[in-house]
Amino acid sequence: MGRILAIDFGKKRTGLAVTDSLRITANPLITIETKQLLDWLRDYFAKETVDEVVIGHPKQMNGEDSESMQYIRPFVARFKQTFPDKPITYYDERFTSVLAHQAMIAGGMKKKNRQDKTQVDKLAACIILEGYMEAKRL
């Protein structure tokens, strides 16, 4: 069984998280510059078996797509062209950044470290992945 990879796509930076090979736990992986994302994924997929990819779907409170979707849709199109064998699924990402900050505070992370956006991005990807995994179990 292959892993599930989650993407918290951002205009500048993108956070990634991945399950273990048994799909029991979700773990923050890395935050990278978005312009390097497809190359990084190509290398990662060559090393690891990934069966599913989940990408955060930013929505407004009324359920409509947020402005960020104008960047995410073209990325998903490029992803599908580059990796036609990898299914990619949208998953609602509302409040993931807020939840990531709360988790860092609850975990005792110092304020200076919480201000590091790379930490927030990969933790937000992990929260997306955990939500997706939980939704699949229901």
Protein backbone atom coordinates (compact mmCIF):
# COMPACT_ATOMS: atom_id res chain seq x y z
CA MET A 1 0.00 0.00 0.00
CA GLY A 2 1.37 3.38 -0.96
CA ARG A 3 1.40 6.58 1.03
CA ILE A 4 -1.02 9.49 0.83
CA LEU A 5 0.62 12.89 0.26
CA ALA A 6 -1.09 16.16 1.19
CA ILE A 7 -0.36 19.57 -0.32
CA ASP A 8 -1.10 22.91 1.33
CA PHE A 9 -0.54 24.97 -1.80
CA GLY A 10 0.57 28.56 -1.48
CA LYS A 11 1.54 31.21 -4.00
CA LYS A 12 5.09 31.40 -2.59
CA ARG A 13 5.50 28.35 -0.33
CA THR A 14 3.84 24.96 -0.23
CA GLY A 15 3.61 22.67 2.77
CA LEU A 16 3.64 18.91 2.35
CA ALA A 17 2.66 16.08 4.65
CA VAL A 18 2.62 12.33 4.14
CA THR A 19 1.27 9.20 5.77
CA ASP A 20 3.42 6.33 6.90
CA SER A 21 3.42 3.34 4.54
CA LEU A 22 0.55 1.71 6.47
CA ARG A 23 -1.53 4.92 6.31
CA ILE A 24 -1.92 5.05 10.08
CA THR A 25 -0.31 8.40 10.86
CA ALA A 26 0.04 11.72 9.08
CA ASN A 27 3.37 13.50 9.41
CA PRO A 28 4.57 16.95 8.35
CA LEU A 29 7.14 16.50 5.60
CA ILE A 30 8.59 19.72 4.19
CA THR A 31 7.80 23.26 3.11
CA ILE A 32 9.27 24.24 -0.24
CA GLU A 33 9.10 27.12 -2.67
CA THR A 34 6.07 26.58 -4.87
CA LYS A 35 8.04 27.11 -8.08
CA GLN A 36 10.08 23.99 -7.17
CA LEU A 37 7.08 21.84 -6.28
CA LEU A 38 6.66 19.72 -9.43
CA ASP A 39 10.40 18.93 -9.58
CA TRP A 40 10.42 18.01 -5.90
CA LEU A 41 7.37 15.78 -6.35
CA ARG A 42 8.98 14.06 -9.34
CA ASP A 43 12.00 13.17 -7.18
CA TYR A 44 9.85 12.12 -4.22
CA PHE A 45 7.59 9.88 -6.33
CA ALA A 46 10.69 8.19 -7.75
CA LYS A 47 11.81 7.28 -4.21
CA GLU A 48 8.49 6.62 -2.43
CA THR A 49 5.30 4.84 -3.38
CA VAL A 50 2.48 7.38 -3.27
CA ASP A 51 -0.98 6.17 -4.30
CA GLU A 52 -3.03 9.28 -3.54
CA VAL A 53 -2.48 13.02 -3.40
CA VAL A 54 -4.74 15.40 -1.50
CA ILE A 55 -4.64 19.15 -2.07
CA GLY A 56 -6.21 21.74 0.16
CA HIS A 57 -9.32 23.38 -1.27
CA PRO A 58 -9.55 26.87 0.22
CA LYS A 59 -13.12 28.02 0.71
CA GLN A 60 -14.76 31.08 2.14
CA MET A 61 -17.17 30.85 5.06
CA ASN A 62 -20.13 30.73 2.66
CA GLY A 63 -18.65 27.65 0.95
CA GLU A 64 -17.55 29.40 -2.23
CA ASP A 65 -14.00 29.01 -3.51
CA SER A 66 -11.52 31.51 -2.14
CA GLU A 67 -9.33 33.70 -4.28
CA SER A 68 -6.42 31.23 -3.92
CA MET A 69 -8.13 28.78 -6.26
CA GLN A 70 -6.95 30.88 -9.20
CA TYR A 71 -3.44 29.57 -8.42
CA ILE A 72 -4.41 26.07 -7.35
CA ARG A 73 -6.47 25.07 -10.42
CA PRO A 74 -3.58 25.66 -12.88
CA PHE A 75 -1.24 23.73 -10.58
CA VAL A 76 -3.65 20.79 -10.43
CA ALA A 77 -3.89 20.81 -14.24
CA ARG A 78 -0.07 20.71 -14.51
CA PHE A 79 0.05 17.99 -11.85
CA LYS A 80 -2.41 15.83 -13.82
CA GLN A 81 -0.37 16.29 -17.01
CA THR A 82 2.92 15.51 -15.26
CA PHE A 83 1.63 12.61 -13.13
CA PRO A 84 -1.37 11.12 -14.97
CA ASP A 85 -1.22 7.95 -12.84
CA LYS A 86 -1.55 9.85 -9.52
CA PRO A 87 -5.10 10.67 -8.47
CA ILE A 88 -5.40 14.09 -6.85
CA THR A 89 -8.34 15.00 -4.63
CA TYR A 90 -9.43 18.37 -3.24
CA TYR A 91 -10.12 18.52 0.50
CA ASP A 92 -11.62 21.48 2.36
CA GLU A 93 -8.83 23.37 4.10
CA ARG A 94 -10.79 26.00 5.97
CA PHE A 95 -9.16 26.88 9.30
CA THR A 96 -6.08 24.67 8.78
CA SER A 97 -3.65 27.56 9.36
CA VAL A 98 -5.54 28.57 12.52
CA LEU A 99 -5.51 24.95 13.71
CA ALA A 100 -1.79 24.71 12.93
CA HIS A 101 -1.07 27.77 15.08
CA GLN A 102 -3.21 26.38 17.91
CA ALA A 103 -1.39 23.04 17.72
CA MET A 104 1.98 24.78 17.91
CA ILE A 105 0.87 26.74 20.99
CA ALA A 106 -0.59 23.63 22.63
CA GLY A 107 2.65 21.79 21.89
CA GLY A 108 4.66 24.47 23.69
CA MET A 109 6.42 25.87 20.63
CA LYS A 110 8.12 29.18 21.34
CA LYS A 111 6.71 32.33 19.77
CA LYS A 112 9.77 32.84 17.56
CA ASN A 113 9.38 29.34 16.09
CA ARG A 114 5.62 29.83 15.59
CA GLN A 115 6.38 32.86 13.44
CA ASP A 116 8.30 30.64 11.02
CA LYS A 117 5.81 30.26 8.15
CA THR A 118 7.46 27.07 6.93
CA GLN A 119 6.39 25.36 10.17
CA VAL A 120 2.80 26.53 9.73
CA ASP A 121 2.64 25.41 6.07
CA LYS A 122 3.77 21.83 6.62
CA LEU A 123 1.64 21.51 9.76
CA ALA A 124 -1.39 22.81 7.82
CA ALA A 125 -0.70 20.12 5.19
CA CYS A 126 -0.65 17.57 8.00
CA ILE A 127 -4.02 18.81 9.28
CA ILE A 128 -5.46 18.53 5.75
CA LEU A 129 -4.15 14.97 5.56
CA GLU A 130 -5.52 14.02 8.98
CA GLY A 131 -8.94 15.40 8.04
CA TYR A 132 -8.92 13.52 4.75
CA MET A 133 -7.92 10.27 6.43
CA GLU A 134 -10.65 10.68 9.06
CA ALA A 135 -13.27 11.43 6.39
CA LYS A 136 -12.31 8.26 4.51
CA ARG A 137 -12.77 6.16 7.66
CA LEU A 138 -16.33 7.39 8.25
